Protein backbone atom coordinates (compact mmCIF):
# COMPACT_ATOMS: atom_id res chain seq x y z
CA MET A 1 -28.16 -48.13 -39.38
CA ASN A 2 -26.86 -45.19 -37.35
CA PRO A 3 -28.63 -41.84 -37.77
CA VAL A 4 -26.54 -38.96 -39.08
CA ILE A 5 -25.89 -36.36 -36.40
CA PRO A 6 -25.41 -32.81 -37.75
CA ILE A 7 -22.23 -31.04 -36.68
CA ALA A 8 -22.75 -27.78 -34.80
CA ARG A 9 -20.94 -24.86 -36.38
CA SER A 10 -19.50 -21.88 -34.59
CA PRO A 11 -21.75 -18.84 -35.01
CA ARG A 12 -18.68 -16.66 -35.64
CA THR A 13 -17.47 -18.56 -38.71
CA ARG A 14 -19.28 -18.16 -41.99
CA ARG A 15 -18.68 -20.50 -44.93
CA THR A 16 -18.80 -19.14 -48.45
CA PRO A 17 -18.33 -21.08 -51.69
CA THR A 18 -15.57 -20.05 -54.08
CA SER A 19 -15.73 -20.14 -57.89
CA GLU A 20 -14.23 -23.66 -57.90
CA GLY A 21 -16.90 -24.96 -55.57
CA ASN A 22 -14.57 -25.25 -52.55
CA VAL A 23 -15.72 -23.96 -49.20
CA VAL A 24 -13.63 -21.31 -47.44
CA ALA A 25 -14.07 -20.42 -43.77
CA ILE A 26 -14.13 -16.70 -43.04
CA ASN A 27 -13.53 -15.55 -39.48
CA THR A 28 -16.00 -12.76 -38.68
CA ARG A 29 -14.71 -12.18 -35.13
CA LYS A 30 -13.52 -8.64 -34.57
CA ASN A 31 -10.00 -8.94 -33.10
CA PRO A 32 -8.36 -5.67 -32.15
CA SER A 33 -4.92 -5.10 -33.58
CA PRO A 34 -2.16 -5.65 -30.97
CA ARG A 35 -0.77 -2.21 -31.82
CA SER A 36 -4.07 -0.47 -31.04
CA ARG A 37 -4.04 -1.32 -27.33
CA LEU A 38 -2.38 0.93 -24.78
CA LEU A 39 -2.58 -1.38 -21.75
CA TYR A 40 -2.28 -5.16 -21.41
CA ASP A 41 -3.26 -7.39 -18.50
CA ARG A 42 -0.72 -9.83 -17.06
CA LYS A 43 -1.77 -12.79 -19.21
CA GLU A 44 -1.73 -10.87 -22.48
CA SER A 45 1.54 -9.11 -21.53
CA ALA A 46 3.20 -12.46 -20.89
CA ARG A 47 1.99 -13.74 -24.24
CA GLN A 48 3.24 -10.64 -26.04
CA ILE A 49 6.81 -11.05 -24.73
CA SER A 50 6.78 -14.88 -24.79
CA LEU A 51 7.08 -15.46 -21.05
CA SER A 52 4.98 -17.33 -18.53
CA VAL A 53 2.66 -15.34 -16.29
CA ARG A 54 4.74 -16.43 -13.28
CA SER A 55 7.96 -15.10 -14.84
CA LEU A 56 6.18 -11.85 -15.61
CA ASP A 57 5.03 -11.67 -11.98
CA TYR A 58 8.66 -12.04 -10.87
CA LEU A 59 9.67 -9.19 -13.17
CA ILE A 60 6.83 -7.01 -11.87
CA ALA A 61 7.89 -7.73 -8.27
CA ALA A 62 11.46 -6.77 -9.17
CA LYS A 63 10.13 -3.42 -10.50
CA THR A 64 11.27 -4.19 -14.05
CA PHE A 65 7.94 -2.97 -15.45
CA ARG A 66 6.00 0.18 -14.69
CA THR A 67 2.49 -1.06 -13.90
CA ILE A 68 -0.89 0.59 -13.56
CA ARG A 69 -3.55 -0.82 -11.27
CA ILE A 70 -7.20 -0.52 -12.24
CA GLY A 71 -9.09 -1.95 -9.30
CA LYS A 72 -7.60 -5.41 -8.75
CA LYS A 73 -6.30 -5.66 -12.30
CA VAL A 74 -2.59 -5.07 -12.98
CA MET A 75 -2.08 -3.46 -16.37
CA ILE A 76 1.22 -2.95 -18.22
CA PRO A 77 1.61 -0.18 -20.83
CA HIS A 78 2.53 -1.17 -24.38
CA SER A 79 5.64 1.06 -24.22
CA GLU A 80 6.99 -0.96 -21.27
CA LEU A 81 6.63 -4.21 -23.20
CA VAL A 82 8.42 -2.70 -26.20
CA ARG A 83 11.20 -1.37 -23.94
CA TYR A 84 11.69 -4.78 -22.32
CA ALA A 85 11.56 -6.69 -25.61
CA SER A 86 14.10 -4.42 -27.31
CA SER A 87 16.79 -4.77 -24.62
CA ASN A 88 19.15 -7.63 -23.78
CA HIS A 89 18.61 -9.77 -20.66
CA TYR A 90 21.57 -11.76 -19.46
CA SER A 91 20.45 -12.51 -15.91
CA ARG A 92 17.99 -15.17 -14.83
CA ILE A 93 14.44 -14.35 -13.79
CA VAL A 94 14.30 -15.15 -10.09
CA PRO A 95 11.63 -14.56 -7.42
CA ALA A 96 11.95 -11.33 -5.50
CA LYS A 97 13.24 -11.61 -1.93
CA ARG A 98 10.53 -11.37 0.68
CA ILE A 99 10.92 -8.74 3.34
CA ALA A 100 9.87 -10.10 6.73
């Protein structure tokens, strides 16, 4: 007979019983609201506007977004993401031309 192996639970999820006896998972992780952030890194910016990070890099290289550098990190203000998302884009996203 095989021994029963207990399943490890995430420390961030707490299970509480309801009045019917069912178990409900409650997420106790503190996630900041997307509206509360002023700056986003490249990965989070791409996720916010539903693009790949590479496409976002092409747009940054084409000076479509105003960016702020904090050390090595490239940050994009929330207002720039809203401006981009609220306008129409008919052209393709292409790599910027390299200057030799």
